[in-house]
Amino acid sequence: MVTAIVQSWLSLRAQTKARSFQERKEAYIGLLEAWVRQENDNFSEMSLLDVGHWVLRAELVASAKVFSLLKTWQETLPGSMERKQTTDAFKAAMRQDLR
């Protein structure tokens, strides 16, 4: 009986970790793709809404470090050196979060 309970708990734990990883991966990739579309569309209203959607999804599932860097990224001016540095740190944190 104890073995069945432990196996059930371990299975549930593994499923939760896998779902969490998948949700983070989808949010991060979606955000990166939205950024590319935004630049290609010259910051159209639709592309801004698309980025906003993915930012919100990323905020919901991100680790504390990624969340902090995302907030910092949002506070920087597009094209600034600070934005470029924050973007690099943000991408590195996302890669680390997915490992």
PDB file of N, CA and C in Angstrom:
ATOM      1  N   MET A   1       0.825  -1.195   0.000  1.00  0.00           N
ATOM      2  CA  MET A   1       0.000   0.000   0.000  1.00  0.00           C
ATOM      3  C   MET A   1       0.874   1.266   0.000  1.00  0.00           C
ATOM      4  N   VAL A   2       1.891   1.271   0.855  1.00  0.00           N
ATOM      5  CA  VAL A   2       2.788   2.416   0.930  1.00  0.00           C
ATOM      6  C   VAL A   2       3.515   2.606  -0.402  1.00  0.00           C
ATOM      7  N   THR A   3       3.911   1.507  -1.011  1.00  0.00           N
ATOM      8  CA  THR A   3       4.604   1.569  -2.293  1.00  0.00           C
ATOM      9  C   THR A   3       3.717   2.218  -3.352  1.00  0.00           C
ATOM     10  N   ALA A   4       2.456   1.871  -3.383  1.00  0.00           N
ATOM     11  CA  ALA A   4       1.524   2.440  -4.356  1.00  0.00           C
ATOM     12  C   ALA A   4       1.366   3.943  -4.144  1.00  0.00           C
ATOM     13  N   ILE A   5       1.303   4.361  -2.907  1.00  0.00           N
ATOM     14  CA  ILE A   5       1.158   5.788  -2.597  1.00  0.00           C
ATOM     15  C   ILE A   5       2.410   6.549  -3.032  1.00  0.00           C
ATOM     16  N   VAL A   6       3.572   6.002  -2.724  1.00  0.00           N
ATOM     17  CA  VAL A   6       4.833   6.652  -3.100  1.00  0.00           C
ATOM     18  C   VAL A   6       4.960   6.720  -4.618  1.00  0.00           C
ATOM     19  N   GLN A   7       4.619   5.646  -5.315  1.00  0.00           N
ATOM     20  CA  GLN A   7       4.692   5.639  -6.776  1.00  0.00           C
ATOM     21  C   GLN A   7       3.722   6.662  -7.373  1.00  0.00           C
ATOM     22  N   SER A   8       2.547   6.754  -6.811  1.00  0.00           N
ATOM     23  CA  SER A   8       1.567   7.722  -7.278  1.00  0.00           C
ATOM     24  C   SER A   8       2.079   9.147  -7.071  1.00  0.00           C
ATOM     25  N   TRP A   9       2.654   9.412  -5.917  1.00  0.00           N
ATOM     26  CA  TRP A   9       3.191  10.739  -5.619  1.00  0.00           C
ATOM     27  C   TRP A   9       4.347  11.090  -6.551  1.00  0.00           C
ATOM     28  N   LEU A  10       5.247  10.137  -6.778  1.00  0.00           N
ATOM     29  CA  LEU A  10       6.380  10.377  -7.676  1.00  0.00           C
ATOM     30  C   LEU A  10       5.910  10.630  -9.108  1.00  0.00           C
ATOM     31  N   SER A  11       4.902   9.896  -9.537  1.00  0.00           N
ATOM     32  CA  SER A  11       4.355  10.082 -10.870  1.00  0.00           C
ATOM     33  C   SER A  11       3.717  11.468 -11.008  1.00  0.00           C
ATOM     34  N   LEU A  12       2.958  11.872 -10.022  1.00  0.00           N
ATOM     35  CA  LEU A  12       2.326  13.186 -10.038  1.00  0.00           C
ATOM     36  C   LEU A  12       3.370  14.294 -10.036  1.00  0.00           C
ATOM     37  N   ARG A  13       4.417  14.105  -9.262  1.00  0.00           N
ATOM     38  CA  ARG A  13       5.502  15.086  -9.190  1.00  0.00           C
ATOM     39  C   ARG A  13       6.206  15.226 -10.544  1.00  0.00           C
ATOM     40  N   ALA A  14       6.463  14.100 -11.199  1.00  0.00           N
ATOM     41  CA  ALA A  14       7.111  14.121 -12.510  1.00  0.00           C
ATOM     42  C   ALA A  14       6.213  14.802 -13.544  1.00  0.00           C
ATOM     43  N   GLN A  15       4.926  14.535 -13.507  1.00  0.00           N
ATOM     44  CA  GLN A  15       3.991  15.163 -14.437  1.00  0.00           C
ATOM     45  C   GLN A  15       3.930  16.673 -14.220  1.00  0.00           C
ATOM     46  N   THR A  16       3.952  17.088 -12.968  1.00  0.00           N
ATOM     47  CA  THR A  16       3.911  18.513 -12.645  1.00  0.00           C
ATOM     48  C   THR A  16       5.158  19.218 -13.156  1.00  0.00           C
ATOM     49  N   LYS A  17       6.329  18.598 -12.950  1.00  0.00           N
ATOM     50  CA  LYS A  17       7.576  19.181 -13.445  1.00  0.00           C
ATOM     51  C   LYS A  17       7.577  19.270 -14.963  1.00  0.00           C
ATOM     52  N   ALA A  18       7.104  18.233 -15.631  1.00  0.00           N
ATOM     53  CA  ALA A  18       7.067  18.219 -17.091  1.00  0.00           C
ATOM     54  C   ALA A  18       6.115  19.296 -17.616  1.00  0.00           C
ATOM     55  N   ARG A  19       4.962  19.455 -16.981  1.00  0.00           N
ATOM     56  CA  ARG A  19       4.003  20.476 -17.405  1.00  0.00           C
ATOM     57  C   ARG A  19       4.575  21.878 -17.189  1.00  0.00           C
ATOM     58  N   SER A  20       5.221  22.078 -16.066  1.00  0.00           N
ATOM     59  CA  SER A  20       5.829  23.374 -15.768  1.00  0.00           C
ATOM     60  C   SER A  20       6.906  23.717 -16.794  1.00  0.00           C
ATOM     61  N   PHE A  21       7.747  22.754 -17.119  1.00  0.00           N
ATOM     62  CA  PHE A  21       8.783  22.959 -18.127  1.00  0.00           C
ATOM     63  C   PHE A  21       8.157  23.319 -19.466  1.00  0.00           C
ATOM     64  N   GLN A  22       7.133  22.583 -19.869  1.00  0.00           N
ATOM     65  CA  GLN A  22       6.474  22.818 -21.158  1.00  0.00           C
ATOM     66  C   GLN A  22       5.851  24.211 -21.204  1.00  0.00           C
ATOM     67  N   GLU A  23       5.207  24.628 -20.122  1.00  0.00           N
ATOM     68  CA  GLU A  23       4.587  25.949 -20.079  1.00  0.00           C
ATOM     69  C   GLU A  23       5.638  27.062 -20.170  1.00  0.00           C
ATOM     70  N   ARG A  24       6.752  26.891 -19.453  1.00  0.00           N
ATOM     71  CA  ARG A  24       7.825  27.890 -19.532  1.00  0.00           C
ATOM     72  C   ARG A  24       8.402  27.940 -20.942  1.00  0.00           C
ATOM     73  N   LYS A  25       8.659  26.788 -21.517  1.00  0.00           N
ATOM     74  CA  LYS A  25       9.236  26.717 -22.859  1.00  0.00           C
ATOM     75  C   LYS A  25       8.330  27.412 -23.873  1.00  0.00           C
ATOM     76  N   GLU A  26       7.042  27.136 -23.839  1.00  0.00           N
ATOM     77  CA  GLU A  26       6.104  27.756 -24.771  1.00  0.00           C
ATOM     78  C   GLU A  26       6.062  29.270 -24.593  1.00  0.00           C
ATOM     79  N   ALA A  27       6.050  29.724 -23.339  1.00  0.00           N
ATOM     80  CA  ALA A  27       5.987  31.166 -23.075  1.00  0.00           C
ATOM     81  C   ALA A  27       7.255  31.872 -23.540  1.00  0.00           C
ATOM     82  N   TYR A  28       8.407  31.284 -23.269  1.00  0.00           N
ATOM     83  CA  TYR A  28       9.669  31.915 -23.650  1.00  0.00           C
ATOM     84  C   TYR A  28       9.841  31.949 -25.165  1.00  0.00           C
ATOM     85  N   ILE A  29       9.557  30.851 -25.820  1.00  0.00           N
ATOM     86  CA  ILE A  29       9.681  30.806 -27.279  1.00  0.00           C
ATOM     87  C   ILE A  29       8.658  31.739 -27.919  1.00  0.00           C
ATOM     88  N   GLY A  30       7.448  31.751 -27.394  1.00  0.00           N
ATOM     89  CA  GLY A  30       6.418  32.653 -27.911  1.00  0.00           C
ATOM     90  C   GLY A  30       6.836  34.104 -27.791  1.00  0.00           C
ATOM     91  N   LEU A  31       7.440  34.458 -26.664  1.00  0.00           N
ATOM     92  CA  LEU A  31       7.895  35.828 -26.458  1.00  0.00           C
ATOM     93  C   LEU A  31       9.016  36.185 -27.437  1.00  0.00           C
ATOM     94  N   LEU A  32       9.979  35.299 -27.592  1.00  0.00           N
ATOM     95  CA  LEU A  32      11.075  35.571 -28.528  1.00  0.00           C
ATOM     96  C   LEU A  32      10.558  35.710 -29.962  1.00  0.00           C
ATOM     97  N   GLU A  33       9.630  34.852 -30.362  1.00  0.00           N
ATOM     98  CA  GLU A  33       9.065  34.941 -31.704  1.00  0.00           C
ATOM     99  C   GLU A  33       8.250  36.222 -31.871  1.00  0.00           C
ATOM    100  N   ALA A  34       7.539  36.637 -30.824  1.00  0.00           N
ATOM    101  CA  ALA A  34       6.762  37.884 -30.888  1.00  0.00           C
ATOM    102  C   ALA A  34       7.686  39.083 -31.046  1.00  0.00           C
ATOM    103  N   TRP A  35       8.837  39.048 -30.377  1.00  0.00           N
ATOM    104  CA  TRP A  35       9.815  40.136 -30.540  1.00  0.00           C
ATOM    105  C   TRP A  35      10.272  40.240 -31.988  1.00  0.00           C
ATOM    106  N   VAL A  36      10.548  39.104 -32.610  1.00  0.00           N
ATOM    107  CA  VAL A  36      10.996  39.101 -34.011  1.00  0.00           C
ATOM    108  C   VAL A  36       9.887  39.649 -34.910  1.00  0.00           C
ATOM    109  N   ARG A  37       8.659  39.187 -34.692  1.00  0.00           N
ATOM    110  CA  ARG A  37       7.533  39.692 -35.501  1.00  0.00           C
ATOM    111  C   ARG A  37       7.353  41.192 -35.300  1.00  0.00           C
ATOM    112  N   GLN A  38       7.537  41.651 -34.069  1.00  0.00           N
ATOM    113  CA  GLN A  38       7.387  43.071 -33.769  1.00  0.00           C
ATOM    114  C   GLN A  38       8.395  43.904 -34.560  1.00  0.00           C
ATOM    115  N   GLU A  39       9.627  43.457 -34.589  1.00  0.00           N
ATOM    116  CA  GLU A  39      10.647  44.182 -35.351  1.00  0.00           C
ATOM    117  C   GLU A  39      10.362  44.130 -36.849  1.00  0.00           C
ATOM    118  N   ASN A  40       9.904  42.980 -37.335  1.00  0.00           N
ATOM    119  CA  ASN A  40       9.599  42.848 -38.761  1.00  0.00           C
ATOM    120  C   ASN A  40       8.395  43.682 -39.171  1.00  0.00           C
ATOM    121  N   ASP A  41       7.453  43.890 -38.253  1.00  0.00           N
ATOM    122  CA  ASP A  41       6.243  44.670 -38.537  1.00  0.00           C
ATOM    123  C   ASP A  41       6.409  46.143 -38.190  1.00  0.00           C
ATOM    124  N   ASN A  42       7.635  46.548 -37.859  1.00  0.00           N
ATOM    125  CA  ASN A  42       7.908  47.944 -37.499  1.00  0.00           C
ATOM    126  C   ASN A  42       7.022  48.435 -36.353  1.00  0.00           C
ATOM    127  N   PHE A  43       6.879  47.594 -35.341  1.00  0.00           N
ATOM    128  CA  PHE A  43       6.165  47.962 -34.117  1.00  0.00           C
ATOM    129  C   PHE A  43       4.715  48.367 -34.381  1.00  0.00           C
ATOM    130  N   SER A  44       4.019  47.571 -35.183  1.00  0.00           N
ATOM    131  CA  SER A  44       2.603  47.832 -35.443  1.00  0.00           C
ATOM    132  C   SER A  44       1.792  47.568 -34.173  1.00  0.00           C
ATOM    133  N   GLU A  45       0.571  48.069 -34.171  1.00  0.00           N
ATOM    134  CA  GLU A  45      -0.288  47.884 -32.994  1.00  0.00           C
ATOM    135  C   GLU A  45      -0.523  46.402 -32.718  1.00  0.00           C
ATOM    136  N   MET A  46      -0.724  45.634 -33.775  1.00  0.00           N
ATOM    137  CA  MET A  46      -0.982  44.202 -33.607  1.00  0.00           C
ATOM    138  C   MET A  46       0.237  43.496 -33.013  1.00  0.00           C
ATOM    139  N   SER A  47       1.425  43.865 -33.465  1.00  0.00           N
ATOM    140  CA  SER A  47       2.624  43.213 -32.941  1.00  0.00           C
ATOM    141  C   SER A  47       2.872  43.611 -31.487  1.00  0.00           C
ATOM    142  N   LEU A  48       2.513  44.845 -31.124  1.00  0.00           N
ATOM    143  CA  LEU A  48       2.647  45.263 -29.725  1.00  0.00           C
ATOM    144  C   LEU A  48       1.709  44.461 -28.826  1.00  0.00           C
ATOM    145  N   LEU A  49       0.496  44.199 -29.302  1.00  0.00           N
ATOM    146  CA  LEU A  49      -0.448  43.385 -28.532  1.00  0.00           C
ATOM    147  C   LEU A  49       0.053  41.945 -28.413  1.00  0.00           C
ATOM    148  N   ASP A  50       0.650  41.453 -29.501  1.00  0.00           N
ATOM    149  CA  ASP A  50       1.198  40.095 -29.495  1.00  0.00           C
ATOM    150  C   ASP A  50       2.315  39.972 -28.458  1.00  0.00           C
ATOM    151  N   VAL A  51       3.217  40.935 -28.426  1.00  0.00           N
ATOM    152  CA  VAL A  51       4.298  40.920 -27.429  1.00  0.00           C
ATOM    153  C   VAL A  51       3.708  41.016 -26.033  1.00  0.00           C
ATOM    154  N   GLY A  52       2.718  41.870 -25.846  1.00  0.00           N
ATOM    155  CA  GLY A  52       2.081  41.997 -24.535  1.00  0.00           C
ATOM    156  C   GLY A  52       1.484  40.694 -24.056  1.00  0.00           C
ATOM    157  N   HIS A  53       0.862  39.963 -24.968  1.00  0.00           N
ATOM    158  CA  HIS A  53       0.292  38.651 -24.634  1.00  0.00           C
ATOM    159  C   HIS A  53       1.371  37.697 -24.125  1.00  0.00           C
ATOM    160  N   TRP A  54       2.472  37.631 -24.854  1.00  0.00           N
ATOM    161  CA  TRP A  54       3.545  36.703 -24.491  1.00  0.00           C
ATOM    162  C   TRP A  54       4.297  37.158 -23.246  1.00  0.00           C
ATOM    163  N   VAL A  55       4.397  38.461 -23.036  1.00  0.00           N
ATOM    164  CA  VAL A  55       5.014  38.965 -21.806  1.00  0.00           C
ATOM    165  C   VAL A  55       4.193  38.501 -20.611  1.00  0.00           C
ATOM    166  N   LEU A  56       2.880  38.638 -20.712  1.00  0.00           N
ATOM    167  CA  LEU A  56       2.005  38.208 -19.609  1.00  0.00           C
ATOM    168  C   LEU A  56       2.140  36.715 -19.353  1.00  0.00           C
ATOM    169  N   ARG A  57       2.155  35.923 -20.413  1.00  0.00           N
ATOM    170  CA  ARG A  57       2.322  34.474 -20.224  1.00  0.00           C
ATOM    171  C   ARG A  57       3.653  34.150 -19.567  1.00  0.00           C
ATOM    172  N   ALA A  58       4.713  34.840 -20.011  1.00  0.00           N
ATOM    173  CA  ALA A  58       6.036  34.605 -19.419  1.00  0.00           C
ATOM    174  C   ALA A  58       6.047  35.009 -17.950  1.00  0.00           C
ATOM    175  N   GLU A  59       5.389  36.117 -17.618  1.00  0.00           N
ATOM    176  CA  GLU A  59       5.336  36.553 -16.217  1.00  0.00           C
ATOM    177  C   GLU A  59       4.667  35.508 -15.334  1.00  0.00           C
ATOM    178  N   LEU A  60       3.688  34.820 -15.876  1.00  0.00           N
ATOM    179  CA  LEU A  60       2.949  33.833 -15.084  1.00  0.00           C
ATOM    180  C   LEU A  60       3.757  32.580 -14.763  1.00  0.00           C
ATOM    181  N   VAL A  61       4.696  32.223 -15.628  1.00  0.00           N
ATOM    182  CA  VAL A  61       5.389  30.945 -15.449  1.00  0.00           C
ATOM    183  C   VAL A  61       6.887  31.088 -15.192  1.00  0.00           C
ATOM    184  N   ALA A  62       7.415  32.296 -15.275  1.00  0.00           N
ATOM    185  CA  ALA A  62       8.860  32.504 -15.178  1.00  0.00           C
ATOM    186  C   ALA A  62       9.387  32.295 -13.766  1.00  0.00           C
ATOM    187  N   SER A  63      10.655  31.930 -13.715  1.00  0.00           N
ATOM    188  CA  SER A  63      11.349  31.875 -12.436  1.00  0.00           C
ATOM    189  C   SER A  63      11.523  33.306 -11.933  1.00  0.00           C
ATOM    190  N   ALA A  64      11.901  33.451 -10.684  1.00  0.00           N
ATOM    191  CA  ALA A  64      12.070  34.786 -10.097  1.00  0.00           C
ATOM    192  C   ALA A  64      13.111  35.603 -10.863  1.00  0.00           C
ATOM    193  N   LYS A  65      14.202  34.975 -11.272  1.00  0.00           N
ATOM    194  CA  LYS A  65      15.265  35.689 -11.992  1.00  0.00           C
ATOM    195  C   LYS A  65      14.771  36.162 -13.355  1.00  0.00           C
ATOM    196  N   VAL A  66      14.100  35.291 -14.099  1.00  0.00           N
ATOM    197  CA  VAL A  66      13.579  35.659 -15.416  1.00  0.00           C
ATOM    198  C   VAL A  66      12.519  36.746 -15.261  1.00  0.00           C
ATOM    199  N   PHE A  67      11.670  36.620 -14.269  1.00  0.00           N
ATOM    200  CA  PHE A  67      10.633  37.626 -14.025  1.00  0.00           C
ATOM    201  C   PHE A  67      11.257  38.994 -13.758  1.00  0.00           C
ATOM    202  N   SER A  68      12.289  39.015 -12.926  1.00  0.00           N
ATOM    203  CA  SER A  68      12.981  40.266 -12.594  1.00  0.00           C
ATOM    204  C   SER A  68      13.606  40.895 -13.842  1.00  0.00           C
ATOM    205  N   LEU A  69      14.267  40.077 -14.644  1.00  0.00           N
ATOM    206  CA  LEU A  69      14.892  40.590 -15.868  1.00  0.00           C
ATOM    207  C   LEU A  69      13.847  41.054 -16.885  1.00  0.00           C
ATOM    208  N   LEU A  70      12.714  40.385 -16.925  1.00  0.00           N
ATOM    209  CA  LEU A  70      11.639  40.804 -17.822  1.00  0.00           C
ATOM    210  C   LEU A  70      11.124  42.184 -17.417  1.00  0.00           C
ATOM    211  N   LYS A  71      10.968  42.405 -16.131  1.00  0.00           N
ATOM    212  CA  LYS A  71      10.537  43.722 -15.641  1.00  0.00           C
ATOM    213  C   LYS A  71      11.583  44.790 -15.978  1.00  0.00           C
ATOM    214  N   THR A  72      12.851  44.455 -15.798  1.00  0.00           N
ATOM    215  CA  THR A  72      13.922  45.394 -16.135  1.00  0.00           C
ATOM    216  C   THR A  72      13.906  45.690 -17.628  1.00  0.00           C
ATOM    217  N   TRP A  73      13.722  44.657 -18.442  1.00  0.00           N
ATOM    218  CA  TRP A  73      13.665  44.819 -19.891  1.00  0.00           C
ATOM    219  C   TRP A  73      12.540  45.779 -20.281  1.00  0.00           C
ATOM    220  N   GLN A  74      11.376  45.636 -19.643  1.00  0.00           N
ATOM    221  CA  GLN A  74      10.233  46.481 -19.971  1.00  0.00           C
ATOM    222  C   GLN A  74      10.490  47.949 -19.617  1.00  0.00           C
ATOM    223  N   GLU A  75      11.359  48.194 -18.662  1.00  0.00           N
ATOM    224  CA  GLU A  75      11.633  49.556 -18.217  1.00  0.00           C
ATOM    225  C   GLU A  75      12.714  50.255 -19.055  1.00  0.00           C
ATOM    226  N   THR A  76      13.360  49.526 -19.943  1.00  0.00           N
ATOM    227  CA  THR A  76      14.424  50.113 -20.761  1.00  0.00           C
ATOM    228  C   THR A  76      13.862  50.611 -22.089  1.00  0.00           C
ATOM    229  N   LEU A  77      14.597  51.506 -22.708  1.00  0.00           N
ATOM    230  CA  LEU A  77      14.179  52.064 -23.993  1.00  0.00           C
ATOM    231  C   LEU A  77      14.646  51.169 -25.138  1.00  0.00           C
ATOM    232  N   PRO A  78      13.761  50.894 -26.116  1.00  0.00           N
ATOM    233  CA  PRO A  78      14.162  50.088 -27.265  1.00  0.00           C
ATOM    234  C   PRO A  78      15.376  50.689 -27.966  1.00  0.00           C
ATOM    235  N   GLY A  79      16.325  49.839 -28.295  1.00  0.00           N
ATOM    236  CA  GLY A  79      17.521  50.271 -28.999  1.00  0.00           C
ATOM    237  C   GLY A  79      18.637  50.787 -28.107  1.00  0.00           C
ATOM    238  N   SER A  80      18.355  50.976 -26.822  1.00  0.00           N
ATOM    239  CA  SER A  80      19.389  51.496 -25.919  1.00  0.00           C
ATOM    240  C   SER A  80      20.384  50.394 -25.560  1.00  0.00           C
ATOM    241  N   MET A  81      21.550  50.802 -25.111  1.00  0.00           N
ATOM    242  CA  MET A  81      22.566  49.833 -24.688  1.00  0.00           C
ATOM    243  C   MET A  81      22.051  49.030 -23.492  1.00  0.00           C
ATOM    244  N   GLU A  82      21.338  49.685 -22.609  1.00  0.00           N
ATOM    245  CA  GLU A  82      20.784  48.994 -21.443  1.00  0.00           C
ATOM    246  C   GLU A  82      19.793  47.910 -21.878  1.00  0.00           C
ATOM    247  N   ARG A  83      18.985  48.203 -22.903  1.00  0.00           N
ATOM    248  CA  ARG A  83      18.024  47.209 -23.410  1.00  0.00           C
ATOM    249  C   ARG A  83      18.762  46.017 -23.989  1.00  0.00           C
ATOM    250  N   LYS A  84      19.833  46.286 -24.752  1.00  0.00           N
ATOM    251  CA  LYS A  84      20.595  45.188 -25.356  1.00  0.00           C
ATOM    252  C   LYS A  84      21.237  44.315 -24.284  1.00  0.00           C
ATOM    253  N   GLN A  85      21.809  44.934 -23.255  1.00  0.00           N
ATOM    254  CA  GLN A  85      22.428  44.169 -22.173  1.00  0.00           C
ATOM    255  C   GLN A  85      21.382  43.378 -21.398  1.00  0.00           C
ATOM    256  N   THR A  86      20.246  43.998 -21.145  1.00  0.00           N
ATOM    257  CA  THR A  86      19.173  43.307 -20.422  1.00  0.00           C
ATOM    258  C   THR A  86      18.629  42.156 -21.249  1.00  0.00           C
ATOM    259  N   THR A  87      18.500  42.363 -22.557  1.00  0.00           N
ATOM    260  CA  THR A  87      18.017  41.297 -23.437  1.00  0.00           C
ATOM    261  C   THR A  87      18.965  40.104 -23.403  1.00  0.00           C
ATOM    262  N   ASP A  88      20.259  40.350 -23.449  1.00  0.00           N
ATOM    263  CA  ASP A  88      21.235  39.258 -23.390  1.00  0.00           C
ATOM    264  C   ASP A  88      21.134  38.506 -22.054  1.00  0.00           C
ATOM    265  N   ALA A  89      21.042  39.248 -20.963  1.00  0.00           N
ATOM    266  CA  ALA A  89      20.916  38.624 -19.644  1.00  0.00           C
ATOM    267  C   ALA A  89      19.598  37.868 -19.534  1.00  0.00           C
ATOM    268  N   PHE A  90      18.547  38.422 -20.113  1.00  0.00           N
ATOM    269  CA  PHE A  90      17.224  37.798 -20.093  1.00  0.00           C
ATOM    270  C   PHE A  90      17.234  36.473 -20.846  1.00  0.00           C
ATOM    271  N   LYS A  91      17.845  36.464 -22.033  1.00  0.00           N
ATOM    272  CA  LYS A  91      17.924  35.227 -22.805  1.00  0.00           C
ATOM    273  C   LYS A  91      18.767  34.174 -22.087  1.00  0.00           C
ATOM    274  N   ALA A  92      19.848  34.592 -21.458  1.00  0.00           N
ATOM    275  CA  ALA A  92      20.683  33.651 -20.700  1.00  0.00           C
ATOM    276  C   ALA A  92      19.892  33.073 -19.525  1.00  0.00           C
ATOM    277  N   ALA A  93      19.114  33.895 -18.857  1.00  0.00           N
ATOM    278  CA  ALA A  93      18.320  33.417 -17.720  1.00  0.00           C
ATOM    279  C   ALA A  93      17.232  32.444 -18.194  1.00  0.00           C
ATOM    280  N   MET A  94      16.645  32.720 -19.354  1.00  0.00           N
ATOM    281  CA  MET A  94      15.638  31.795 -19.893  1.00  0.00           C
ATOM    282  C   MET A  94      16.280  30.451 -20.234  1.00  0.00           C
ATOM    283  N   ARG A  95      17.463  30.499 -20.849  1.00  0.00           N
ATOM    284  CA  ARG A  95      18.160  29.237 -21.174  1.00  0.00           C
ATOM    285  C   ARG A  95      18.429  28.443 -19.888  1.00  0.00           C
ATOM    286  N   GLN A  96      18.906  29.128 -18.858  1.00  0.00           N
ATOM    287  CA  GLN A  96      19.203  28.467 -17.586  1.00  0.00           C
ATOM    288  C   GLN A  96      17.926  27.906 -16.960  1.00  0.00           C
ATOM    289  N   ASP A  97      16.845  28.644 -17.075  1.00  0.00           N
ATOM    290  CA  ASP A  97      15.568  28.224 -16.503  1.00  0.00           C
ATOM    291  C   ASP A  97      15.033  26.954 -17.175  1.00  0.00           C
ATOM    292  N   LEU A  98      15.397  26.765 -18.421  1.00  0.00           N
ATOM    293  CA  LEU A  98      14.904  25.594 -19.171  1.00  0.00           C
ATOM    294  C   LEU A  98      15.826  24.389 -19.030  1.00  0.00           C
ATOM    295  N   ARG A  99      16.894  24.511 -18.290  1.00  0.00           N
ATOM    296  CA  ARG A  99      17.801  23.367 -18.102  1.00  0.00           C
ATOM    297  C   ARG A  99      17.342  22.512 -16.959  1.00  0.00           C
TER     298      ARG A  99
END
